[in-house]
């Protein structure tokens, strides 16, 4: 079972919870490739009953039809709005501000009628590497927050002014103490929400490769493999076998004709994360809707 919960994350969760009283709403950033895996159950304590804007980020790398289903699901939740973004595109995150204004419409209208100028505050939260800081920078129109295509870039909570009447708080990506669903834990590893250097990346890449082989993706075409290949994601030998096939195609070979498993694992993970292996969504909201 994958598990990663550094001590600082527990401290961050407690600090975020204590700051709830300063916030009027929350911007909940999810990687559109696996929204369910990005739903941190610990955030329920942080958010309480305040309004939420769910942001399906990195939508350019997710399956469009699946993203639409997730958007419908989140919009069906009480006191919530859902928007779809690719925060790497300039000014694309204005939809988030529009959603906040819609959620807080009654409060805004009350302030206008009283001629009161009030600064609304929103906390940005999400798992590591979901794109929170990129969204903050997009909203600001300039680089205010550190960003990077890996987990754990943002280290501290920071307030940022978006407009004269809106402030947002960027927070470190935060996971939860343990994962009850192994499949969701692996999905977090695939999308880079858990640091590669504390994982067995050969195992992770092998499972990812078999998963992509068995779902709608261009994995076979991209690596020029046999279209009739069938592997079981729960069979460790199958996971190694597919790494070996890709390694031979891409020259990930050591002296003595040995497979360079670490190199081919990094290759597959990088190709997936940059979107070269197709627009993929691992989970749909069906099970959540049943619950």
C-alpha atoms as a PDB file:
ATOM      1  CA  UNK A   1       0.000   0.000   0.000  1.00  0.00           C
ATOM      2  CA  UNK A   2       1.296   3.459  -0.944  1.00  0.00           C
ATOM      3  CA  UNK A   3       1.532   5.816   2.004  1.00  0.00           C
ATOM      4  CA  UNK A   4       3.066   9.263   2.375  1.00  0.00           C
ATOM      5  CA  UNK A   5       2.158  11.726   5.070  1.00  0.00           C
ATOM      6  CA  UNK A   6       5.083  13.892   6.265  1.00  0.00           C
ATOM      7  CA  UNK A   7       4.632  15.534   9.649  1.00  0.00           C
ATOM      8  CA  UNK A   8       4.355  19.020   8.166  1.00  0.00           C
ATOM      9  CA  UNK A   9       1.113  18.032   6.410  1.00  0.00           C
ATOM     10  CA  UNK A  10      -0.638  17.418   9.725  1.00  0.00           C
ATOM     11  CA  UNK A  11       0.554  20.836  10.908  1.00  0.00           C
ATOM     12  CA  UNK A  12      -0.697  22.436   7.685  1.00  0.00           C
ATOM     13  CA  UNK A  13      -4.134  20.815   8.009  1.00  0.00           C
ATOM     14  CA  UNK A  14      -4.517  22.162  11.540  1.00  0.00           C
ATOM     15  CA  UNK A  15      -3.413  25.628  10.447  1.00  0.00           C
ATOM     16  CA  UNK A  16      -5.836  25.612   7.513  1.00  0.00           C
ATOM     17  CA  UNK A  17      -8.662  24.553   9.813  1.00  0.00           C
ATOM     18  CA  UNK A  18      -7.893  27.410  12.193  1.00  0.00           C
ATOM     19  CA  UNK A  19      -8.036  29.879   9.274  1.00  0.00           C
ATOM     20  CA  UNK A  20     -11.520  28.767   8.203  1.00  0.00           C
ATOM     21  CA  UNK A  21     -13.087  31.698  10.080  1.00  0.00           C
ATOM     22  CA  UNK A  22     -11.198  34.160   7.850  1.00  0.00           C
ATOM     23  CA  UNK A  23     -12.527  32.654   4.607  1.00  0.00           C
ATOM     24  CA  UNK A  24     -15.832  33.238   2.853  1.00  0.00           C
ATOM     25  CA  UNK A  25     -15.389  30.331   0.453  1.00  0.00           C
ATOM     26  CA  UNK A  26     -12.950  27.717  -0.820  1.00  0.00           C
ATOM     27  CA  UNK A  27     -11.324  26.995  -4.173  1.00  0.00           C
ATOM     28  CA  UNK A  28     -10.901  23.215  -4.282  1.00  0.00           C
ATOM     29  CA  UNK A  29      -8.389  22.303  -7.015  1.00  0.00           C
ATOM     30  CA  UNK A  30      -8.601  18.801  -8.491  1.00  0.00           C
ATOM     31  CA  UNK A  31      -6.550  17.142 -11.203  1.00  0.00           C
ATOM     32  CA  UNK A  32      -9.151  16.420 -13.897  1.00  0.00           C
ATOM     33  CA  UNK A  33      -7.458  13.093 -14.675  1.00  0.00           C
ATOM     34  CA  UNK A  34      -8.444  11.703 -11.279  1.00  0.00           C
ATOM     35  CA  UNK A  35     -10.856  13.956  -9.358  1.00  0.00           C
ATOM     36  CA  UNK A  36     -11.912  11.220  -6.964  1.00  0.00           C
ATOM     37  CA  UNK A  37      -8.342  10.521  -5.866  1.00  0.00           C
ATOM     38  CA  UNK A  38      -7.849  14.254  -5.274  1.00  0.00           C
ATOM     39  CA  UNK A  39     -10.774  14.511  -2.831  1.00  0.00           C
ATOM     40  CA  UNK A  40      -8.956  14.691   0.495  1.00  0.00           C
ATOM     41  CA  UNK A  41     -11.365  13.577   3.270  1.00  0.00           C
ATOM     42  CA  UNK A  42      -9.403  15.707   5.761  1.00  0.00           C
ATOM     43  CA  UNK A  43     -10.524  18.860   3.919  1.00  0.00           C
ATOM     44  CA  UNK A  44     -14.089  18.343   5.192  1.00  0.00           C
ATOM     45  CA  UNK A  45     -12.883  19.610   8.589  1.00  0.00           C
ATOM     46  CA  UNK A  46     -11.216  22.606   6.928  1.00  0.00           C
ATOM     47  CA  UNK A  47     -14.162  23.649   4.737  1.00  0.00           C
ATOM     48  CA  UNK A  48     -17.033  23.104   7.138  1.00  0.00           C
ATOM     49  CA  UNK A  49     -20.282  24.262   5.487  1.00  0.00           C
ATOM     50  CA  UNK A  50     -18.850  27.161   3.489  1.00  0.00           C
ATOM     51  CA  UNK A  51     -19.267  27.586  -0.302  1.00  0.00           C
ATOM     52  CA  UNK A  52     -16.901  25.692  -2.597  1.00  0.00           C
ATOM     53  CA  UNK A  53     -15.701  26.289  -6.144  1.00  0.00           C
ATOM     54  CA  UNK A  54     -14.438  22.956  -7.481  1.00  0.00           C
ATOM     55  CA  UNK A  55     -11.771  23.445 -10.158  1.00  0.00           C
ATOM     56  CA  UNK A  56     -11.109  20.591 -12.583  1.00  0.00           C
ATOM     57  CA  UNK A  57      -7.587  21.640 -13.546  1.00  0.00           C
ATOM     58  CA  UNK A  58      -5.234  20.168 -16.189  1.00  0.00           C
ATOM     59  CA  UNK A  59      -8.331  19.519 -18.281  1.00  0.00           C
ATOM     60  CA  UNK A  60      -6.210  19.469 -21.446  1.00  0.00           C
ATOM     61  CA  UNK A  61      -4.819  16.105 -20.267  1.00  0.00           C
ATOM     62  CA  UNK A  62      -8.167  14.555 -19.258  1.00  0.00           C
ATOM     63  CA  UNK A  63     -10.905  12.876 -21.257  1.00  0.00           C
ATOM     64  CA  UNK A  64     -13.425  15.570 -22.224  1.00  0.00           C
ATOM     65  CA  UNK A  65     -16.556  13.444 -21.784  1.00  0.00           C
ATOM     66  CA  UNK A  66     -15.423  12.314 -18.337  1.00  0.00           C
ATOM     67  CA  UNK A  67     -14.653  15.897 -17.318  1.00  0.00           C
ATOM     68  CA  UNK A  68     -18.189  16.893 -18.296  1.00  0.00           C
ATOM     69  CA  UNK A  69     -19.611  14.149 -16.063  1.00  0.00           C
ATOM     70  CA  UNK A  70     -17.489  15.324 -13.143  1.00  0.00           C
ATOM     71  CA  UNK A  71     -18.555  18.914 -13.692  1.00  0.00           C
ATOM     72  CA  UNK A  72     -22.227  17.889 -13.591  1.00  0.00           C
ATOM     73  CA  UNK A  73     -21.597  15.941 -10.390  1.00  0.00           C
ATOM     74  CA  UNK A  74     -19.867  18.772  -8.526  1.00  0.00           C
ATOM     75  CA  UNK A  75     -22.446  21.300  -9.696  1.00  0.00           C
ATOM     76  CA  UNK A  76     -25.122  19.044  -8.200  1.00  0.00           C
ATOM     77  CA  UNK A  77     -23.639  19.423  -4.717  1.00  0.00           C
ATOM     78  CA  UNK A  78     -25.181  22.052  -2.418  1.00  0.00           C
ATOM     79  CA  UNK A  79     -23.539  25.473  -2.179  1.00  0.00           C
ATOM     80  CA  UNK A  80     -21.033  24.552  -4.900  1.00  0.00           C
ATOM     81  CA  UNK A  81     -19.928  25.519  -8.377  1.00  0.00           C
ATOM     82  CA  UNK A  82     -17.576  23.671 -10.704  1.00  0.00           C
ATOM     83  CA  UNK A  83     -15.344  25.117 -13.416  1.00  0.00           C
ATOM     84  CA  UNK A  84     -12.936  23.491 -15.860  1.00  0.00           C
ATOM     85  CA  UNK A  85      -9.482  24.979 -16.423  1.00  0.00           C
ATOM     86  CA  UNK A  86      -6.061  24.589 -17.895  1.00  0.00           C
ATOM     87  CA  UNK A  87      -4.246  27.043 -15.660  1.00  0.00           C
ATOM     88  CA  UNK A  88      -1.199  27.188 -17.933  1.00  0.00           C
ATOM     89  CA  UNK A  89      -3.244  29.302 -20.378  1.00  0.00           C
ATOM     90  CA  UNK A  90      -3.142  33.017 -19.579  1.00  0.00           C
ATOM     91  CA  UNK A  91      -6.331  34.492 -18.043  1.00  0.00           C
ATOM     92  CA  UNK A  92      -8.112  31.121 -18.242  1.00  0.00           C
ATOM     93  CA  UNK A  93      -8.871  31.155 -14.509  1.00  0.00           C
ATOM     94  CA  UNK A  94     -11.222  34.156 -14.599  1.00  0.00           C
ATOM     95  CA  UNK A  95     -14.017  31.587 -14.563  1.00  0.00           C
ATOM     96  CA  UNK A  96     -13.035  30.855 -10.947  1.00  0.00           C
ATOM     97  CA  UNK A  97     -13.607  34.472  -9.906  1.00  0.00           C
ATOM     98  CA  UNK A  98     -16.945  34.469 -11.747  1.00  0.00           C
ATOM     99  CA  UNK A  99     -17.966  31.323  -9.863  1.00  0.00           C
ATOM    100  CA  UNK A 100     -16.973  32.889  -6.530  1.00  0.00           C
ATOM    101  CA  UNK A 101     -18.996  36.004  -7.301  1.00  0.00           C
ATOM    102  CA  UNK A 102     -21.974  33.822  -8.190  1.00  0.00           C
ATOM    103  CA  UNK A 103     -21.715  31.826  -4.965  1.00  0.00           C
ATOM    104  CA  UNK A 104     -21.394  34.983  -2.852  1.00  0.00           C
ATOM    105  CA  UNK A 105     -23.966  36.956  -4.850  1.00  0.00           C
ATOM    106  CA  UNK A 106     -26.300  37.624  -1.919  1.00  0.00           C
ATOM    107  CA  UNK A 107     -23.492  38.862   0.330  1.00  0.00           C
ATOM    108  CA  UNK A 108     -22.114  41.084  -2.431  1.00  0.00           C
ATOM    109  CA  UNK A 109     -25.524  42.603  -3.179  1.00  0.00           C
ATOM    110  CA  UNK A 110     -26.107  43.245   0.541  1.00  0.00           C
ATOM    111  CA  UNK A 111     -22.766  45.084   0.793  1.00  0.00           C
ATOM    112  CA  UNK A 112     -23.567  47.174  -2.288  1.00  0.00           C
ATOM    113  CA  UNK A 113     -26.965  48.154  -0.879  1.00  0.00           C
ATOM    114  CA  UNK A 114     -25.289  49.264   2.347  1.00  0.00           C
ATOM    115  CA  UNK A 115     -22.475  50.946   0.415  1.00  0.00           C
ATOM    116  CA  UNK A 116     -19.988  48.799   2.304  1.00  0.00           C
ATOM    117  CA  UNK A 117     -16.638  47.847   0.753  1.00  0.00           C
ATOM    118  CA  UNK A 118     -15.780  44.344   1.894  1.00  0.00           C
ATOM    119  CA  UNK A 119     -12.802  42.144   0.943  1.00  0.00           C
ATOM    120  CA  UNK A 120     -13.875  38.550   0.369  1.00  0.00           C
ATOM    121  CA  UNK A 121     -11.348  35.824   1.075  1.00  0.00           C
ATOM    122  CA  UNK A 122     -11.028  32.389  -0.516  1.00  0.00           C
ATOM    123  CA  UNK A 123      -8.686  29.573   0.488  1.00  0.00           C
ATOM    124  CA  UNK A 124      -7.136  27.486  -2.305  1.00  0.00           C
ATOM    125  CA  UNK A 125      -6.686  23.868  -1.322  1.00  0.00           C
ATOM    126  CA  UNK A 126      -5.876  20.565  -2.991  1.00  0.00           C
ATOM    127  CA  UNK A 127      -3.476  17.634  -3.053  1.00  0.00           C
ATOM    128  CA  UNK A 128       0.150  18.230  -4.097  1.00  0.00           C
ATOM    129  CA  UNK A 129       0.821  18.989  -7.768  1.00  0.00           C
ATOM    130  CA  UNK A 130      -2.812  19.694  -8.616  1.00  0.00           C
ATOM    131  CA  UNK A 131      -1.879  23.143  -9.950  1.00  0.00           C
ATOM    132  CA  UNK A 132      -2.937  25.393  -7.069  1.00  0.00           C
ATOM    133  CA  UNK A 133      -0.030  27.833  -7.328  1.00  0.00           C
ATOM    134  CA  UNK A 134      -0.317  27.966 -11.112  1.00  0.00           C
ATOM    135  CA  UNK A 135      -3.955  28.985 -10.645  1.00  0.00           C
ATOM    136  CA  UNK A 136      -2.942  31.656  -8.109  1.00  0.00           C
ATOM    137  CA  UNK A 137      -0.416  33.081 -10.578  1.00  0.00           C
ATOM    138  CA  UNK A 138      -2.976  32.933 -13.391  1.00  0.00           C
ATOM    139  CA  UNK A 139      -5.463  34.912 -11.316  1.00  0.00           C
ATOM    140  CA  UNK A 140      -2.813  37.474 -10.368  1.00  0.00           C
ATOM    141  CA  UNK A 141      -1.481  37.825 -13.885  1.00  0.00           C
ATOM    142  CA  UNK A 142       2.049  37.463 -12.530  1.00  0.00           C
ATOM    143  CA  UNK A 143       4.244  34.954 -10.717  1.00  0.00           C
ATOM    144  CA  UNK A 144       3.410  35.387  -7.034  1.00  0.00           C
ATOM    145  CA  UNK A 145       3.582  31.722  -6.027  1.00  0.00           C
ATOM    146  CA  UNK A 146       6.274  29.128  -6.655  1.00  0.00           C
ATOM    147  CA  UNK A 147       5.252  26.454  -9.147  1.00  0.00           C
ATOM    148  CA  UNK A 148       6.674  23.197 -10.429  1.00  0.00           C
ATOM    149  CA  UNK A 149       5.599  19.947 -12.076  1.00  0.00           C
ATOM    150  CA  UNK A 150       6.188  17.913  -8.929  1.00  0.00           C
ATOM    151  CA  UNK A 151       4.733  17.474  -5.474  1.00  0.00           C
ATOM    152  CA  UNK A 152       5.611  19.712  -2.548  1.00  0.00           C
ATOM    153  CA  UNK A 153       6.671  22.998  -4.208  1.00  0.00           C
ATOM    154  CA  UNK A 154       4.514  25.300  -2.059  1.00  0.00           C
ATOM    155  CA  UNK A 155       5.825  25.203   1.510  1.00  0.00           C
ATOM    156  CA  UNK A 156       3.884  27.916   3.323  1.00  0.00           C
ATOM    157  CA  UNK A 157       0.448  29.518   3.462  1.00  0.00           C
ATOM    158  CA  UNK A 158       0.372  32.926   1.742  1.00  0.00           C
ATOM    159  CA  UNK A 159      -2.297  35.561   1.018  1.00  0.00           C
ATOM    160  CA  UNK A 160      -2.471  37.123  -2.443  1.00  0.00           C
ATOM    161  CA  UNK A 161      -4.561  40.095  -3.611  1.00  0.00           C
ATOM    162  CA  UNK A 162      -6.566  39.336  -6.762  1.00  0.00           C
ATOM    163  CA  UNK A 163      -8.637  42.539  -6.816  1.00  0.00           C
ATOM    164  CA  UNK A 164      -9.614  45.316  -4.386  1.00  0.00           C
ATOM    165  CA  UNK A 165     -12.416  43.073  -3.132  1.00  0.00           C
ATOM    166  CA  UNK A 166     -10.900  39.568  -3.371  1.00  0.00           C
ATOM    167  CA  UNK A 167      -7.974  37.900  -1.637  1.00  0.00           C
ATOM    168  CA  UNK A 168      -7.006  34.264  -1.991  1.00  0.00           C
ATOM    169  CA  UNK A 169      -4.843  32.112   0.222  1.00  0.00           C
ATOM    170  CA  UNK A 170      -2.449  29.657  -1.426  1.00  0.00           C
ATOM    171  CA  UNK A 171      -1.759  26.583   0.715  1.00  0.00           C
ATOM    172  CA  UNK A 172       0.682  23.662   0.489  1.00  0.00           C
ATOM    173  CA  UNK A 173      -0.613  20.544  -1.209  1.00  0.00           C
ATOM    174  CA  UNK A 174      -1.885  18.207   1.465  1.00  0.00           C
ATOM    175  CA  UNK A 175      -2.601  14.480   1.519  1.00  0.00           C
ATOM    176  CA  UNK A 176      -4.228  12.458   4.285  1.00  0.00           C
ATOM    177  CA  UNK A 177      -2.713  10.042   6.842  1.00  0.00           C
ATOM    178  CA  UNK A 178      -3.669   6.786   5.101  1.00  0.00           C
ATOM    179  CA  UNK A 179      -5.243   5.555   1.880  1.00  0.00           C
ATOM    180  CA  UNK A 180      -8.190   3.172   2.158  1.00  0.00           C
ATOM    181  CA  UNK A 181      -8.438   2.653  -1.594  1.00  0.00           C
ATOM    182  CA  UNK A 182      -5.241   1.321  -3.152  1.00  0.00           C
ATOM    183  CA  UNK A 183      -6.347   2.199  -6.695  1.00  0.00           C
ATOM    184  CA  UNK A 184      -6.812   5.866  -5.771  1.00  0.00           C
ATOM    185  CA  UNK A 185      -3.424   5.881  -4.053  1.00  0.00           C
ATOM    186  CA  UNK A 186      -1.769   4.646  -7.244  1.00  0.00           C
ATOM    187  CA  UNK A 187      -3.591   7.290  -9.262  1.00  0.00           C
ATOM    188  CA  UNK A 188      -2.125   9.986  -7.013  1.00  0.00           C
ATOM    189  CA  UNK A 189       1.284   8.504  -7.708  1.00  0.00           C
ATOM    190  CA  UNK A 190       0.642   8.481 -11.466  1.00  0.00           C
ATOM    191  CA  UNK A 191      -0.291  12.186 -11.567  1.00  0.00           C
ATOM    192  CA  UNK A 192       2.694  13.191  -9.424  1.00  0.00           C
ATOM    193  CA  UNK A 193       0.891  14.049  -6.186  1.00  0.00           C
ATOM    194  CA  UNK A 194       3.295  11.820  -4.266  1.00  0.00           C
ATOM    195  CA  UNK A 195       7.019  12.422  -4.617  1.00  0.00           C
ATOM    196  CA  UNK A 196       8.656   9.949  -6.997  1.00  0.00           C
ATOM    197  CA  UNK A 197      11.780   9.677  -4.873  1.00  0.00           C
ATOM    198  CA  UNK A 198       9.930   8.014  -1.999  1.00  0.00           C
ATOM    199  CA  UNK A 199       8.136   5.515  -4.276  1.00  0.00           C
ATOM    200  CA  UNK A 200       9.114   2.364  -6.131  1.00  0.00           C
ATOM    201  CA  UNK A 201       8.770   4.029  -9.532  1.00  0.00           C
ATOM    202  CA  UNK A 202       9.316   0.749 -11.397  1.00  0.00           C
ATOM    203  CA  UNK A 203       6.226  -0.676  -9.706  1.00  0.00           C
ATOM    204  CA  UNK A 204       4.271   2.552 -10.235  1.00  0.00           C
ATOM    205  CA  UNK A 205       5.201   2.859 -13.913  1.00  0.00           C
ATOM    206  CA  UNK A 206       4.467  -0.819 -14.539  1.00  0.00           C
ATOM    207  CA  UNK A 207       0.961  -0.535 -13.109  1.00  0.00           C
ATOM    208  CA  UNK A 208       0.388   2.714 -15.003  1.00  0.00           C
ATOM    209  CA  UNK A 209       1.557   1.124 -18.257  1.00  0.00           C
ATOM    210  CA  UNK A 210      -0.783  -1.870 -17.922  1.00  0.00           C
ATOM    211  CA  UNK A 211      -3.662   0.414 -16.904  1.00  0.00           C
ATOM    212  CA  UNK A 212      -3.153   2.629 -19.948  1.00  0.00           C
ATOM    213  CA  UNK A 213      -2.819  -0.424 -22.178  1.00  0.00           C
ATOM    214  CA  UNK A 214      -6.216  -1.686 -21.019  1.00  0.00           C
ATOM    215  CA  UNK A 215      -8.178   1.586 -21.244  1.00  0.00           C
ATOM    216  CA  UNK A 216      -8.787   4.177 -23.940  1.00  0.00           C
ATOM    217  CA  UNK A 217      -5.323   5.644 -24.579  1.00  0.00           C
ATOM    218  CA  UNK A 218      -2.741   5.800 -27.330  1.00  0.00           C
ATOM    219  CA  UNK A 219      -0.184   3.849 -25.281  1.00  0.00           C
ATOM    220  CA  UNK A 220       0.183   1.068 -27.877  1.00  0.00           C
ATOM    221  CA  UNK A 221       0.479   3.465 -30.799  1.00  0.00           C
ATOM    222  CA  UNK A 222       2.855   5.827 -29.016  1.00  0.00           C
ATOM    223  CA  UNK A 223       5.353   3.095 -28.183  1.00  0.00           C
ATOM    224  CA  UNK A 224       4.630   1.057 -31.350  1.00  0.00           C
ATOM    225  CA  UNK A 225       3.594  -2.099 -29.490  1.00  0.00           C
ATOM    226  CA  UNK A 226       1.462  -5.073 -30.542  1.00  0.00           C
ATOM    227  CA  UNK A 227      -2.185  -3.997 -30.521  1.00  0.00           C
ATOM    228  CA  UNK A 228      -3.264  -7.437 -29.239  1.00  0.00           C
ATOM    229  CA  UNK A 229      -1.333  -7.228 -25.970  1.00  0.00           C
ATOM    230  CA  UNK A 230      -3.342  -8.076 -22.850  1.00  0.00           C
ATOM    231  CA  UNK A 231      -1.915  -7.741 -19.349  1.00  0.00           C
ATOM    232  CA  UNK A 232      -3.282  -7.947 -15.802  1.00  0.00           C
ATOM    233  CA  UNK A 233      -2.521  -4.849 -13.701  1.00  0.00           C
ATOM    234  CA  UNK A 234      -2.493  -7.011 -10.559  1.00  0.00           C
ATOM    235  CA  UNK A 235       0.178  -9.344 -11.934  1.00  0.00           C
ATOM    236  CA  UNK A 236       3.668  -7.965 -11.057  1.00  0.00           C
ATOM    237  CA  UNK A 237       5.294 -10.000 -13.826  1.00  0.00           C
ATOM    238  CA  UNK A 238       2.929  -8.510 -16.412  1.00  0.00           C
ATOM    239  CA  UNK A 239       3.867  -5.039 -15.179  1.00  0.00           C
ATOM    240  CA  UNK A 240       7.549  -5.801 -15.618  1.00  0.00           C
ATOM    241  CA  UNK A 241       6.943  -7.374 -19.018  1.00  0.00           C
ATOM    242  CA  UNK A 242       5.349  -4.247 -20.450  1.00  0.00           C
ATOM    243  CA  UNK A 243       8.231  -2.128 -19.125  1.00  0.00           C
ATOM    244  CA  UNK A 244      10.610  -4.485 -20.906  1.00  0.00           C
ATOM    245  CA  UNK A 245       8.722  -4.097 -24.194  1.00  0.00           C
ATOM    246  CA  UNK A 246       8.832  -0.294 -23.990  1.00  0.00           C
ATOM    247  CA  UNK A 247      12.496  -0.364 -22.909  1.00  0.00           C
ATOM    248  CA  UNK A 248      13.459  -2.326 -26.001  1.00  0.00           C
ATOM    249  CA  UNK A 249      11.527   0.062 -28.242  1.00  0.00           C
ATOM    250  CA  UNK A 250      13.099   3.154 -26.652  1.00  0.00           C
ATOM    251  CA  UNK A 251      16.633   1.890 -26.072  1.00  0.00           C
ATOM    252  CA  UNK A 252      16.492   1.799 -22.268  1.00  0.00           C
ATOM    253  CA  UNK A 253      19.130  -0.921 -22.144  1.00  0.00           C
ATOM    254  CA  UNK A 254      22.164  -1.320 -19.877  1.00  0.00           C
ATOM    255  CA  UNK A 255      25.460  -3.000 -20.673  1.00  0.00           C
ATOM    256  CA  UNK A 256      25.069  -6.738 -21.129  1.00  0.00           C
ATOM    257  CA  UNK A 257      21.668  -6.184 -22.786  1.00  0.00           C
ATOM    258  CA  UNK A 258      19.972  -5.745 -19.396  1.00  0.00           C
ATOM    259  CA  UNK A 259      16.781  -3.707 -19.090  1.00  0.00           C
ATOM    260  CA  UNK A 260      17.208  -0.289 -17.452  1.00  0.00           C
ATOM    261  CA  UNK A 261      13.977  -0.466 -15.470  1.00  0.00           C
ATOM    262  CA  UNK A 262      14.421   2.841 -13.678  1.00  0.00           C
ATOM    263  CA  UNK A 263      15.051   4.740 -16.901  1.00  0.00           C
ATOM    264  CA  UNK A 264      12.056   3.259 -18.725  1.00  0.00           C
ATOM    265  CA  UNK A 265       9.869   3.843 -15.646  1.00  0.00           C
ATOM    266  CA  UNK A 266      10.796   7.533 -15.616  1.00  0.00           C
ATOM    267  CA  UNK A 267      10.184   7.707 -19.376  1.00  0.00           C
ATOM    268  CA  UNK A 268       6.646   6.323 -19.119  1.00  0.00           C
ATOM    269  CA  UNK A 269       5.719   8.490 -16.116  1.00  0.00           C
ATOM    270  CA  UNK A 270       7.027  11.623 -17.842  1.00  0.00           C
ATOM    271  CA  UNK A 271       5.255  10.798 -21.107  1.00  0.00           C
ATOM    272  CA  UNK A 272       1.974  10.282 -19.240  1.00  0.00           C
ATOM    273  CA  UNK A 273       2.268  13.432 -17.115  1.00  0.00           C
ATOM    274  CA  UNK A 274       2.953  15.700 -20.087  1.00  0.00           C
ATOM    275  CA  UNK A 275      -0.044  14.251 -21.950  1.00  0.00           C
ATOM    276  CA  UNK A 276       1.739  12.303 -24.666  1.00  0.00           C
ATOM    277  CA  UNK A 277      -0.164   9.084 -23.933  1.00  0.00           C
ATOM    278  CA  UNK A 278      -3.613  10.509 -24.592  1.00  0.00           C
ATOM    279  CA  UNK A 279      -6.352  12.360 -22.701  1.00  0.00           C
ATOM    280  CA  UNK A 280      -6.967  10.090 -19.729  1.00  0.00           C
ATOM    281  CA  UNK A 281      -9.429  10.119 -16.827  1.00  0.00           C
ATOM    282  CA  UNK A 282      -9.084   7.256 -14.355  1.00  0.00           C
ATOM    283  CA  UNK A 283     -12.291   7.679 -12.353  1.00  0.00           C
ATOM    284  CA  UNK A 284     -15.904   8.673 -12.972  1.00  0.00           C
ATOM    285  CA  UNK A 285     -18.386  10.018 -10.412  1.00  0.00           C
ATOM    286  CA  UNK A 286     -20.713   6.995 -10.689  1.00  0.00           C
ATOM    287  CA  UNK A 287     -19.784   5.469  -7.327  1.00  0.00           C
ATOM    288  CA  UNK A 288     -19.918   8.824  -5.545  1.00  0.00           C
ATOM    289  CA  UNK A 289     -23.350   9.530  -7.022  1.00  0.00           C
ATOM    290  CA  UNK A 290     -24.583   6.154  -5.739  1.00  0.00           C
ATOM    291  CA  UNK A 291     -23.305   7.097  -2.271  1.00  0.00           C
END
